[in-house]
Amino acid sequence: MNAVITVFGDRAWGDHTVDIRGNGQWLKNKFYYVWLMGRENRDLDRVKFEHRMRPLWTLLNTTFIFILLLMLIGTLSIGLYSMKMGFGIDFFPGIDMLPDESIKRFLQTLFE
């Protein structure tokens, strides 16, 4: 009986430092996401076996990570540029690298 309990268990969620779970819908497809972080308690052999069975660097995972990084870089760039404009910082006086006025008007239309 212990073997059956070990294999199937009660499927209770473990005690993780970070445990974020949710779901959503995009068009007609439903998706779920899980973000877990915590101390590793598994044997090294089991970890290696699972890495072989589910490699991280598949094409879809790499594409997803790349898109997330692009979104992060874009968000940070817009935030830093907005802060620069808000504080009136001019790194190169007399040289306009970007059309500041048209960008300012665009950002104002976004947040109105």
PDB file of N, CA and C in Angstrom:
ATOM      1  N   MET A   1       0.821  -1.195   0.000  1.00  0.00           N
ATOM      2  CA  MET A   1       0.000   0.000   0.000  1.00  0.00           C
ATOM      3  C   MET A   1       0.869   1.265   0.000  1.00  0.00           C
ATOM      4  N   ASN A   2       2.010   1.219   0.668  1.00  0.00           N
ATOM      5  CA  ASN A   2       2.900   2.380   0.695  1.00  0.00           C
ATOM      6  C   ASN A   2       3.398   2.733  -0.698  1.00  0.00           C
ATOM      7  N   ALA A   3       3.618   1.698  -1.532  1.00  0.00           N
ATOM      8  CA  ALA A   3       4.075   1.955  -2.900  1.00  0.00           C
ATOM      9  C   ALA A   3       3.014   2.708  -3.696  1.00  0.00           C
ATOM     10  N   VAL A   4       1.758   2.332  -3.526  1.00  0.00           N
ATOM     11  CA  VAL A   4       0.667   3.013  -4.235  1.00  0.00           C
ATOM     12  C   VAL A   4       0.570   4.462  -3.774  1.00  0.00           C
ATOM     13  N   ILE A   5       0.672   4.685  -2.480  1.00  0.00           N
ATOM     14  CA  ILE A   5       0.612   6.050  -1.946  1.00  0.00           C
ATOM     15  C   ILE A   5       1.796   6.867  -2.450  1.00  0.00           C
ATOM     16  N   THR A   6       2.966   6.228  -2.541  1.00  0.00           N
ATOM     17  CA  THR A   6       4.149   6.928  -3.023  1.00  0.00           C
ATOM     18  C   THR A   6       3.980   7.332  -4.484  1.00  0.00           C
ATOM     19  N   VAL A   7       3.446   6.413  -5.307  1.00  0.00           N
ATOM     20  CA  VAL A   7       3.302   6.696  -6.731  1.00  0.00           C
ATOM     21  C   VAL A   7       2.218   7.733  -6.980  1.00  0.00           C
ATOM     22  N   PHE A   8       1.041   7.507  -6.415  1.00  0.00           N
ATOM     23  CA  PHE A   8      -0.077   8.399  -6.690  1.00  0.00           C
ATOM     24  C   PHE A   8      -0.179   9.530  -5.681  1.00  0.00           C
ATOM     25  N   GLY A   9       0.134   9.258  -4.436  1.00  0.00           N
ATOM     26  CA  GLY A   9       0.119  10.270  -3.383  1.00  0.00           C
ATOM     27  C   GLY A   9      -1.200  11.004  -3.311  1.00  0.00           C
ATOM     28  N   ASP A  10      -1.205  12.067  -2.564  1.00  0.00           N
ATOM     29  CA  ASP A  10      -2.422  12.870  -2.488  1.00  0.00           C
ATOM     30  C   ASP A  10      -2.342  14.080  -3.407  1.00  0.00           C
ATOM     31  N   ARG A  11      -1.240  14.203  -4.155  1.00  0.00           N
ATOM     32  CA  ARG A  11      -1.032  15.294  -5.098  1.00  0.00           C
ATOM     33  C   ARG A  11      -1.204  16.671  -4.462  1.00  0.00           C
ATOM     34  N   ALA A  12      -0.863  16.771  -3.194  1.00  0.00           N
ATOM     35  CA  ALA A  12      -0.936  18.069  -2.519  1.00  0.00           C
ATOM     36  C   ALA A  12       0.230  18.931  -2.984  1.00  0.00           C
ATOM     37  N   TRP A  13       0.012  20.219  -3.042  1.00  0.00           N
ATOM     38  CA  TRP A  13       1.067  21.126  -3.430  1.00  0.00           C
ATOM     39  C   TRP A  13       2.113  21.173  -2.337  1.00  0.00           C
ATOM     40  N   GLY A  14       3.362  21.176  -2.752  1.00  0.00           N
ATOM     41  CA  GLY A  14       4.445  21.203  -1.791  1.00  0.00           C
ATOM     42  C   GLY A  14       4.626  22.581  -1.188  1.00  0.00           C
ATOM     43  N   ASP A  15       5.557  22.658  -0.278  1.00  0.00           N
ATOM     44  CA  ASP A  15       5.866  23.917   0.381  1.00  0.00           C
ATOM     45  C   ASP A  15       6.987  24.596  -0.398  1.00  0.00           C
ATOM     46  N   HIS A  16       6.624  25.540  -1.272  1.00  0.00           N
ATOM     47  CA  HIS A  16       7.593  26.241  -2.093  1.00  0.00           C
ATOM     48  C   HIS A  16       7.726  27.680  -1.615  1.00  0.00           C
ATOM     49  N   THR A  17       8.926  28.216  -1.790  1.00  0.00           N
ATOM     50  CA  THR A  17       9.157  29.609  -1.441  1.00  0.00           C
ATOM     51  C   THR A  17       8.291  30.521  -2.305  1.00  0.00           C
ATOM     52  N   VAL A  18       8.277  30.253  -3.602  1.00  0.00           N
ATOM     53  CA  VAL A  18       7.425  30.979  -4.545  1.00  0.00           C
ATOM     54  C   VAL A  18       6.476  29.968  -5.166  1.00  0.00           C
ATOM     55  N   ASP A  19       5.180  30.204  -5.076  1.00  0.00           N
ATOM     56  CA  ASP A  19       4.178  29.286  -5.623  1.00  0.00           C
ATOM     57  C   ASP A  19       3.071  30.117  -6.265  1.00  0.00           C
ATOM     58  N   ILE A  20       3.234  30.378  -7.568  1.00  0.00           N
ATOM     59  CA  ILE A  20       2.270  31.185  -8.308  1.00  0.00           C
ATOM     60  C   ILE A  20       1.644  30.287  -9.368  1.00  0.00           C
ATOM     61  N   ARG A  21       0.335  30.124  -9.302  1.00  0.00           N
ATOM     62  CA  ARG A  21      -0.381  29.284 -10.255  1.00  0.00           C
ATOM     63  C   ARG A  21      -1.597  30.053 -10.744  1.00  0.00           C
ATOM     64  N   GLY A  22      -1.920  29.861 -11.991  1.00  0.00           N
ATOM     65  CA  GLY A  22      -3.098  30.526 -12.524  1.00  0.00           C
ATOM     66  C   GLY A  22      -3.465  29.986 -13.890  1.00  0.00           C
ATOM     67  N   ASN A  23      -4.507  30.540 -14.471  1.00  0.00           N
ATOM     68  CA  ASN A  23      -4.913  30.132 -15.805  1.00  0.00           C
ATOM     69  C   ASN A  23      -5.501  31.328 -16.526  1.00  0.00           C
ATOM     70  N   GLY A  24      -5.649  31.179 -17.822  1.00  0.00           N
ATOM     71  CA  GLY A  24      -6.199  32.251 -18.624  1.00  0.00           C
ATOM     72  C   GLY A  24      -6.695  31.712 -19.943  1.00  0.00           C
ATOM     73  N   GLN A  25      -7.273  32.603 -20.732  1.00  0.00           N
ATOM     74  CA  GLN A  25      -7.812  32.203 -22.020  1.00  0.00           C
ATOM     75  C   GLN A  25      -7.367  33.208 -23.062  1.00  0.00           C
ATOM     76  N   TRP A  26      -6.959  32.719 -24.209  1.00  0.00           N
ATOM     77  CA  TRP A  26      -6.589  33.551 -25.336  1.00  0.00           C
ATOM     78  C   TRP A  26      -7.289  32.980 -26.553  1.00  0.00           C
ATOM     79  N   LEU A  27      -8.158  33.774 -27.147  1.00  0.00           N
ATOM     80  CA  LEU A  27      -9.052  33.326 -28.205  1.00  0.00           C
ATOM     81  C   LEU A  27      -9.876  32.158 -27.677  1.00  0.00           C
ATOM     82  N   LYS A  28      -9.790  30.986 -28.317  1.00  0.00           N
ATOM     83  CA  LYS A  28     -10.571  29.841 -27.834  1.00  0.00           C
ATOM     84  C   LYS A  28      -9.736  28.882 -26.998  1.00  0.00           C
ATOM     85  N   ASN A  29      -8.464  29.172 -26.841  1.00  0.00           N
ATOM     86  CA  ASN A  29      -7.564  28.269 -26.124  1.00  0.00           C
ATOM     87  C   ASN A  29      -7.442  28.678 -24.663  1.00  0.00           C
ATOM     88  N   LYS A  30      -7.431  27.689 -23.798  1.00  0.00           N
ATOM     89  CA  LYS A  30      -7.226  27.934 -22.374  1.00  0.00           C
ATOM     90  C   LYS A  30      -5.825  27.471 -22.005  1.00  0.00           C
ATOM     91  N   PHE A  31      -5.165  28.258 -21.167  1.00  0.00           N
ATOM     92  CA  PHE A  31      -3.802  27.965 -20.762  1.00  0.00           C
ATOM     93  C   PHE A  31      -3.692  28.040 -19.247  1.00  0.00           C
ATOM     94  N   TYR A  32      -2.687  27.377 -18.708  1.00  0.00           N
ATOM     95  CA  TYR A  32      -2.375  27.518 -17.295  1.00  0.00           C
ATOM     96  C   TYR A  32      -0.892  27.817 -17.166  1.00  0.00           C
ATOM     97  N   TYR A  33      -0.527  28.463 -16.079  1.00  0.00           N
ATOM     98  CA  TYR A  33       0.879  28.741 -15.824  1.00  0.00           C
ATOM     99  C   TYR A  33       1.191  28.382 -14.381  1.00  0.00           C
ATOM    100  N   VAL A  34       2.431  27.972 -14.181  1.00  0.00           N
ATOM    101  CA  VAL A  34       2.919  27.606 -12.851  1.00  0.00           C
ATOM    102  C   VAL A  34       4.327  28.163 -12.718  1.00  0.00           C
ATOM    103  N   TRP A  35       4.569  28.886 -11.650  1.00  0.00           N
ATOM    104  CA  TRP A  35       5.909  29.400 -11.348  1.00  0.00           C
ATOM    105  C   TRP A  35       6.232  28.951  -9.932  1.00  0.00           C
ATOM    106  N   LEU A  36       7.169  28.006  -9.827  1.00  0.00           N
ATOM    107  CA  LEU A  36       7.553  27.460  -8.525  1.00  0.00           C
ATOM    108  C   LEU A  36       9.039  27.679  -8.305  1.00  0.00           C
ATOM    109  N   MET A  37       9.386  28.037  -7.096  1.00  0.00           N
ATOM    110  CA  MET A  37      10.792  28.127  -6.711  1.00  0.00           C
ATOM    111  C   MET A  37      10.909  27.648  -5.278  1.00  0.00           C
ATOM    112  N   GLY A  38      11.948  26.885  -5.031  1.00  0.00           N
ATOM    113  CA  GLY A  38      12.169  26.390  -3.684  1.00  0.00           C
ATOM    114  C   GLY A  38      13.428  25.541  -3.636  1.00  0.00           C
ATOM    115  N   ARG A  39      13.692  24.995  -2.507  1.00  0.00           N
ATOM    116  CA  ARG A  39      14.880  24.171  -2.300  1.00  0.00           C
ATOM    117  C   ARG A  39      14.711  22.836  -3.021  1.00  0.00           C
ATOM    118  N   GLU A  40      15.772  22.369  -3.671  1.00  0.00           N
ATOM    119  CA  GLU A  40      15.763  21.092  -4.393  1.00  0.00           C
ATOM    120  C   GLU A  40      16.000  19.953  -3.415  1.00  0.00           C
ATOM    121  N   ASN A  41      15.043  19.022  -3.353  1.00  0.00           N
ATOM    122  CA  ASN A  41      15.159  17.888  -2.437  1.00  0.00           C
ATOM    123  C   ASN A  41      15.299  16.558  -3.156  1.00  0.00           C
ATOM    124  N   ARG A  42      15.283  16.567  -4.481  1.00  0.00           N
ATOM    125  CA  ARG A  42      15.337  15.314  -5.234  1.00  0.00           C
ATOM    126  C   ARG A  42      16.768  14.811  -5.347  1.00  0.00           C
ATOM    127  N   ASP A  43      16.889  13.502  -5.621  1.00  0.00           N
ATOM    128  CA  ASP A  43      18.205  12.914  -5.859  1.00  0.00           C
ATOM    129  C   ASP A  43      18.781  13.468  -7.158  1.00  0.00           C
ATOM    130  N   LEU A  44      20.106  13.496  -7.253  1.00  0.00           N
ATOM    131  CA  LEU A  44      20.770  14.018  -8.440  1.00  0.00           C
ATOM    132  C   LEU A  44      20.432  13.183  -9.674  1.00  0.00           C
ATOM    133  N   ASP A  45      20.320  11.856  -9.516  1.00  0.00           N
ATOM    134  CA  ASP A  45      19.976  10.996 -10.652  1.00  0.00           C
ATOM    135  C   ASP A  45      18.598  11.344 -11.207  1.00  0.00           C
ATOM    136  N   ARG A  46      17.648  11.584 -10.334  1.00  0.00           N
ATOM    137  CA  ARG A  46      16.294  11.934 -10.774  1.00  0.00           C
ATOM    138  C   ARG A  46      16.293  13.286 -11.478  1.00  0.00           C
ATOM    139  N   VAL A  47      17.055  14.226 -10.978  1.00  0.00           N
ATOM    140  CA  VAL A  47      17.139  15.548 -11.606  1.00  0.00           C
ATOM    141  C   VAL A  47      17.714  15.418 -13.012  1.00  0.00           C
ATOM    142  N   LYS A  48      18.796  14.650 -13.158  1.00  0.00           N
ATOM    143  CA  LYS A  48      19.412  14.458 -14.476  1.00  0.00           C
ATOM    144  C   LYS A  48      18.452  13.770 -15.438  1.00  0.00           C
ATOM    145  N   PHE A  49      17.723  12.765 -14.939  1.00  0.00           N
ATOM    146  CA  PHE A  49      16.758  12.056 -15.780  1.00  0.00           C
ATOM    147  C   PHE A  49      15.666  13.003 -16.266  1.00  0.00           C
ATOM    148  N   GLU A  50      15.150  13.834 -15.389  1.00  0.00           N
ATOM    149  CA  GLU A  50      14.091  14.763 -15.784  1.00  0.00           C
ATOM    150  C   GLU A  50      14.600  15.837 -16.734  1.00  0.00           C
ATOM    151  N   HIS A  51      15.853  16.218 -16.623  1.00  0.00           N
ATOM    152  CA  HIS A  51      16.428  17.186 -17.564  1.00  0.00           C
ATOM    153  C   HIS A  51      16.533  16.571 -18.951  1.00  0.00           C
ATOM    154  N   ARG A  52      16.844  15.273 -19.009  1.00  0.00           N
ATOM    155  CA  ARG A  52      16.894  14.601 -20.308  1.00  0.00           C
ATOM    156  C   ARG A  52      15.493  14.447 -20.897  1.00  0.00           C
ATOM    157  N   MET A  53      14.508  14.189 -20.053  1.00  0.00           N
ATOM    158  CA  MET A  53      13.142  13.976 -20.539  1.00  0.00           C
ATOM    159  C   MET A  53      12.470  15.290 -20.957  1.00  0.00           C
ATOM    160  N   ARG A  54      12.753  16.370 -20.252  1.00  0.00           N
ATOM    161  CA  ARG A  54      12.138  17.666 -20.547  1.00  0.00           C
ATOM    162  C   ARG A  54      13.219  18.743 -20.605  1.00  0.00           C
ATOM    163  N   PRO A  55      13.919  18.846 -21.730  1.00  0.00           N
ATOM    164  CA  PRO A  55      14.983  19.854 -21.813  1.00  0.00           C
ATOM    165  C   PRO A  55      14.411  21.269 -21.832  1.00  0.00           C
ATOM    166  N   LEU A  56      15.154  22.187 -21.240  1.00  0.00           N
ATOM    167  CA  LEU A  56      14.713  23.583 -21.175  1.00  0.00           C
ATOM    168  C   LEU A  56      14.803  24.257 -22.534  1.00  0.00           C
ATOM    169  N   TRP A  57      15.870  24.007 -23.264  1.00  0.00           N
ATOM    170  CA  TRP A  57      16.138  24.763 -24.478  1.00  0.00           C
ATOM    171  C   TRP A  57      15.516  24.116 -25.710  1.00  0.00           C
ATOM    172  N   THR A  58      14.213  23.939 -25.705  1.00  0.00           N
ATOM    173  CA  THR A  58      13.508  23.544 -26.916  1.00  0.00           C
ATOM    174  C   THR A  58      13.212  24.807 -27.712  1.00  0.00           C
ATOM    175  N   LEU A  59      12.789  24.648 -28.947  1.00  0.00           N
ATOM    176  CA  LEU A  59      12.530  25.809 -29.800  1.00  0.00           C
ATOM    177  C   LEU A  59      11.430  26.697 -29.220  1.00  0.00           C
ATOM    178  N   LEU A  60      10.368  26.085 -28.740  1.00  0.00           N
ATOM    179  CA  LEU A  60       9.256  26.870 -28.196  1.00  0.00           C
ATOM    180  C   LEU A  60       9.657  27.589 -26.909  1.00  0.00           C
ATOM    181  N   ASN A  61      10.387  26.912 -26.026  1.00  0.00           N
ATOM    182  CA  ASN A  61      10.844  27.559 -24.788  1.00  0.00           C
ATOM    183  C   ASN A  61      11.788  28.718 -25.096  1.00  0.00           C
ATOM    184  N   THR A  62      12.699  28.504 -26.032  1.00  0.00           N
ATOM    185  CA  THR A  62      13.647  29.557 -26.392  1.00  0.00           C
ATOM    186  C   THR A  62      12.913  30.763 -26.976  1.00  0.00           C
ATOM    187  N   THR A  63      11.933  30.511 -27.831  1.00  0.00           N
ATOM    188  CA  THR A  63      11.144  31.599 -28.412  1.00  0.00           C
ATOM    189  C   THR A  63      10.388  32.359 -27.329  1.00  0.00           C
ATOM    190  N   PHE A  64       9.772  31.632 -26.402  1.00  0.00           N
ATOM    191  CA  PHE A  64       9.019  32.253 -25.318  1.00  0.00           C
ATOM    192  C   PHE A  64       9.932  33.115 -24.445  1.00  0.00           C
ATOM    193  N   ILE A  65      11.097  32.601 -24.083  1.00  0.00           N
ATOM    194  CA  ILE A  65      12.043  33.359 -23.256  1.00  0.00           C
ATOM    195  C   ILE A  65      12.529  34.600 -24.006  1.00  0.00           C
ATOM    196  N   PHE A  66      12.779  34.462 -25.305  1.00  0.00           N
ATOM    197  CA  PHE A  66      13.226  35.593 -26.122  1.00  0.00           C
ATOM    198  C   PHE A  66      12.159  36.690 -26.163  1.00  0.00           C
ATOM    199  N   ILE A  67      10.896  36.305 -26.346  1.00  0.00           N
ATOM    200  CA  ILE A  67       9.810  37.287 -26.378  1.00  0.00           C
ATOM    201  C   ILE A  67       9.672  37.975 -25.024  1.00  0.00           C
ATOM    202  N   LEU A  68       9.778  37.213 -23.935  1.00  0.00           N
ATOM    203  CA  LEU A  68       9.713  37.824 -22.604  1.00  0.00           C
ATOM    204  C   LEU A  68      10.851  38.820 -22.392  1.00  0.00           C
ATOM    205  N   LEU A  69      12.057  38.467 -22.835  1.00  0.00           N
ATOM    206  CA  LEU A  69      13.189  39.388 -22.697  1.00  0.00           C
ATOM    207  C   LEU A  69      12.976  40.657 -23.523  1.00  0.00           C
ATOM    208  N   LEU A  70      12.451  40.515 -24.744  1.00  0.00           N
ATOM    209  CA  LEU A  70      12.171  41.696 -25.562  1.00  0.00           C
ATOM    210  C   LEU A  70      11.140  42.601 -24.895  1.00  0.00           C
ATOM    211  N   MET A  71      10.105  41.993 -24.316  1.00  0.00           N
ATOM    212  CA  MET A  71       9.092  42.789 -23.618  1.00  0.00           C
ATOM    213  C   MET A  71       9.693  43.497 -22.413  1.00  0.00           C
ATOM    214  N   LEU A  72      10.558  42.823 -21.670  1.00  0.00           N
ATOM    215  CA  LEU A  72      11.207  43.432 -20.513  1.00  0.00           C
ATOM    216  C   LEU A  72      12.107  44.590 -20.933  1.00  0.00           C
ATOM    217  N   ILE A  73      12.905  44.380 -21.969  1.00  0.00           N
ATOM    218  CA  ILE A  73      13.805  45.434 -22.445  1.00  0.00           C
ATOM    219  C   ILE A  73      12.999  46.627 -22.958  1.00  0.00           C
ATOM    220  N   GLY A  74      11.920  46.362 -23.688  1.00  0.00           N
ATOM    221  CA  GLY A  74      11.073  47.449 -24.187  1.00  0.00           C
ATOM    222  C   GLY A  74      10.440  48.245 -23.063  1.00  0.00           C
ATOM    223  N   THR A  75       9.916  47.536 -22.065  1.00  0.00           N
ATOM    224  CA  THR A  75       9.290  48.212 -20.927  1.00  0.00           C
ATOM    225  C   THR A  75      10.305  49.048 -20.158  1.00  0.00           C
ATOM    226  N   LEU A  76      11.473  48.485 -19.919  1.00  0.00           N
ATOM    227  CA  LEU A  76      12.517  49.240 -19.216  1.00  0.00           C
ATOM    228  C   LEU A  76      12.960  50.458 -20.023  1.00  0.00           C
ATOM    229  N   SER A  77      13.091  50.296 -21.335  1.00  0.00           N
ATOM    230  CA  SER A  77      13.513  51.417 -22.175  1.00  0.00           C
ATOM    231  C   SER A  77      12.497  52.553 -22.131  1.00  0.00           C
ATOM    232  N   ILE A  78      11.216  52.205 -22.251  1.00  0.00           N
ATOM    233  CA  ILE A  78      10.172  53.234 -22.204  1.00  0.00           C
ATOM    234  C   ILE A  78      10.148  53.900 -20.833  1.00  0.00           C
ATOM    235  N   GLY A  79      10.289  53.112 -19.784  1.00  0.00           N
ATOM    236  CA  GLY A  79      10.289  53.673 -18.435  1.00  0.00           C
ATOM    237  C   GLY A  79      11.464  54.605 -18.197  1.00  0.00           C
ATOM    238  N   LEU A  80      12.656  54.176 -18.588  1.00  0.00           N
ATOM    239  CA  LEU A  80      13.838  55.022 -18.403  1.00  0.00           C
ATOM    240  C   LEU A  80      13.761  56.285 -19.252  1.00  0.00           C
ATOM    241  N   TYR A  81      13.270  56.154 -20.486  1.00  0.00           N
ATOM    242  CA  TYR A  81      13.143  57.331 -21.344  1.00  0.00           C
ATOM    243  C   TYR A  81      12.122  58.309 -20.770  1.00  0.00           C
ATOM    244  N   SER A  82      11.015  57.778 -20.245  1.00  0.00           N
ATOM    245  CA  SER A  82      10.003  58.644 -19.635  1.00  0.00           C
ATOM    246  C   SER A  82      10.569  59.358 -18.415  1.00  0.00           C
ATOM    247  N   MET A  83      11.363  58.658 -17.609  1.00  0.00           N
ATOM    248  CA  MET A  83      11.991  59.296 -16.446  1.00  0.00           C
ATOM    249  C   MET A  83      12.969  60.375 -16.893  1.00  0.00           C
ATOM    250  N   LYS A  84      13.741  60.095 -17.936  1.00  0.00           N
ATOM    251  CA  LYS A  84      14.688  61.082 -18.462  1.00  0.00           C
ATOM    252  C   LYS A  84      13.948  62.332 -18.924  1.00  0.00           C
ATOM    253  N   MET A  85      12.844  62.125 -19.621  1.00  0.00           N
ATOM    254  CA  MET A  85      12.061  63.270 -20.093  1.00  0.00           C
ATOM    255  C   MET A  85      11.413  64.006 -18.918  1.00  0.00           C
ATOM    256  N   GLY A  86      10.919  63.264 -17.938  1.00  0.00           N
ATOM    257  CA  GLY A  86      10.259  63.876 -16.787  1.00  0.00           C
ATOM    258  C   GLY A  86      11.198  64.727 -15.957  1.00  0.00           C
ATOM    259  N   PHE A  87      12.435  64.268 -15.809  1.00  0.00           N
ATOM    260  CA  PHE A  87      13.410  65.021 -15.025  1.00  0.00           C
ATOM    261  C   PHE A  87      14.137  66.069 -15.853  1.00  0.00           C
ATOM    262  N   GLY A  88      13.905  66.069 -17.165  1.00  0.00           N
ATOM    263  CA  GLY A  88      14.539  67.065 -18.028  1.00  0.00           C
ATOM    264  C   GLY A  88      16.024  66.837 -18.212  1.00  0.00           C
ATOM    265  N   ILE A  89      16.450  65.613 -18.176  1.00  0.00           N
ATOM    266  CA  ILE A  89      17.869  65.296 -18.332  1.00  0.00           C
ATOM    267  C   ILE A  89      18.213  65.292 -19.817  1.00  0.00           C
ATOM    268  N   ASP A  90      19.293  65.971 -20.175  1.00  0.00           N
ATOM    269  CA  ASP A  90      19.773  66.001 -21.552  1.00  0.00           C
ATOM    270  C   ASP A  90      21.213  65.514 -21.538  1.00  0.00           C
ATOM    271  N   PHE A  91      21.427  64.281 -21.968  1.00  0.00           N
ATOM    272  CA  PHE A  91      22.763  63.690 -21.900  1.00  0.00           C
ATOM    273  C   PHE A  91      23.733  64.342 -22.875  1.00  0.00           C
ATOM    274  N   PHE A  92      23.257  64.700 -24.057  1.00  0.00           N
ATOM    275  CA  PHE A  92      24.100  65.334 -25.062  1.00  0.00           C
ATOM    276  C   PHE A  92      23.454  66.658 -25.464  1.00  0.00           C
ATOM    277  N   PRO A  93      23.801  67.757 -24.787  1.00  0.00           N
ATOM    278  CA  PRO A  93      23.163  69.047 -25.078  1.00  0.00           C
ATOM    279  C   PRO A  93      23.369  69.460 -26.534  1.00  0.00           C
ATOM    280  N   GLY A  94      22.279  69.889 -27.152  1.00  0.00           N
ATOM    281  CA  GLY A  94      22.358  70.359 -28.534  1.00  0.00           C
ATOM    282  C   GLY A  94      22.232  69.257 -29.568  1.00  0.00           C
ATOM    283  N   ILE A  95      22.260  68.007 -29.156  1.00  0.00           N
ATOM    284  CA  ILE A  95      22.152  66.894 -30.104  1.00  0.00           C
ATOM    285  C   ILE A  95      20.869  66.138 -29.794  1.00  0.00           C
ATOM    286  N   ASP A  96      19.961  66.109 -30.770  1.00  0.00           N
ATOM    287  CA  ASP A  96      18.716  65.367 -30.603  1.00  0.00           C
ATOM    288  C   ASP A  96      18.848  64.020 -31.302  1.00  0.00           C
ATOM    289  N   MET A  97      18.902  62.963 -30.513  1.00  0.00           N
ATOM    290  CA  MET A  97      18.972  61.631 -31.104  1.00  0.00           C
ATOM    291  C   MET A  97      17.589  61.097 -31.423  1.00  0.00           C
ATOM    292  N   LEU A  98      16.593  61.526 -30.673  1.00  0.00           N
ATOM    293  CA  LEU A  98      15.212  61.094 -30.876  1.00  0.00           C
ATOM    294  C   LEU A  98      14.328  62.326 -30.963  1.00  0.00           C
ATOM    295  N   PRO A  99      13.239  62.230 -31.708  1.00  0.00           N
ATOM    296  CA  PRO A  99      12.300  63.368 -31.762  1.00  0.00           C
ATOM    297  C   PRO A  99      11.521  63.460 -30.453  1.00  0.00           C
ATOM    298  N   ASP A 100      12.103  64.147 -29.471  1.00  0.00           N
ATOM    299  CA  ASP A 100      11.547  64.184 -28.122  1.00  0.00           C
ATOM    300  C   ASP A 100      10.117  64.709 -28.078  1.00  0.00           C
ATOM    301  N   GLU A 101       9.824  65.755 -28.827  1.00  0.00           N
ATOM    302  CA  GLU A 101       8.489  66.352 -28.761  1.00  0.00           C
ATOM    303  C   GLU A 101       7.425  65.400 -29.290  1.00  0.00           C
ATOM    304  N   SER A 102       7.702  64.717 -30.394  1.00  0.00           N
ATOM    305  CA  SER A 102       6.695  63.790 -30.929  1.00  0.00           C
ATOM    306  C   SER A 102       6.545  62.572 -30.025  1.00  0.00           C
ATOM    307  N   ILE A 103       7.612  62.131 -29.394  1.00  0.00           N
ATOM    308  CA  ILE A 103       7.513  61.018 -28.443  1.00  0.00           C
ATOM    309  C   ILE A 103       6.726  61.462 -27.221  1.00  0.00           C
ATOM    310  N   LYS A 104       6.957  62.691 -26.756  1.00  0.00           N
ATOM    311  CA  LYS A 104       6.221  63.206 -25.603  1.00  0.00           C
ATOM    312  C   LYS A 104       4.725  63.282 -25.909  1.00  0.00           C
ATOM    313  N   ARG A 105       4.373  63.756 -27.117  1.00  0.00           N
ATOM    314  CA  ARG A 105       2.955  63.812 -27.500  1.00  0.00           C
ATOM    315  C   ARG A 105       2.355  62.409 -27.570  1.00  0.00           C
ATOM    316  N   PHE A 106       3.106  61.450 -28.104  1.00  0.00           N
ATOM    317  CA  PHE A 106       2.623  60.071 -28.202  1.00  0.00           C
ATOM    318  C   PHE A 106       2.380  59.477 -26.818  1.00  0.00           C
ATOM    319  N   LEU A 107       3.328  59.687 -25.899  1.00  0.00           N
ATOM    320  CA  LEU A 107       3.166  59.163 -24.540  1.00  0.00           C
ATOM    321  C   LEU A 107       1.996  59.830 -23.832  1.00  0.00           C
ATOM    322  N   GLN A 108       1.775  61.113 -24.082  1.00  0.00           N
ATOM    323  CA  GLN A 108       0.642  61.796 -23.461  1.00  0.00           C
ATOM    324  C   GLN A 108      -0.680  61.246 -23.976  1.00  0.00           C
ATOM    325  N   THR A 109      -0.748  60.907 -25.259  1.00  0.00           N
ATOM    326  CA  THR A 109      -1.991  60.324 -25.781  1.00  0.00           C
ATOM    327  C   THR A 109      -2.223  58.927 -25.221  1.00  0.00           C
ATOM    328  N   LEU A 110      -1.161  58.213 -24.913  1.00  0.00           N
ATOM    329  CA  LEU A 110      -1.320  56.874 -24.327  1.00  0.00           C
ATOM    330  C   LEU A 110      -1.902  56.937 -22.928  1.00  0.00           C
ATOM    331  N   PHE A 111      -1.476  57.925 -22.148  1.00  0.00           N
ATOM    332  CA  PHE A 111      -1.850  57.979 -20.738  1.00  0.00           C
ATOM    333  C   PHE A 111      -3.009  58.930 -20.457  1.00  0.00           C
ATOM    334  N   GLU A 112      -3.685  59.415 -21.478  1.00  0.00           N
ATOM    335  CA  GLU A 112      -4.847  60.287 -21.254  1.00  0.00           C
ATOM    336  C   GLU A 112      -6.115  59.489 -21.265  1.00  0.00           C
TER     337      GLU A 112
END
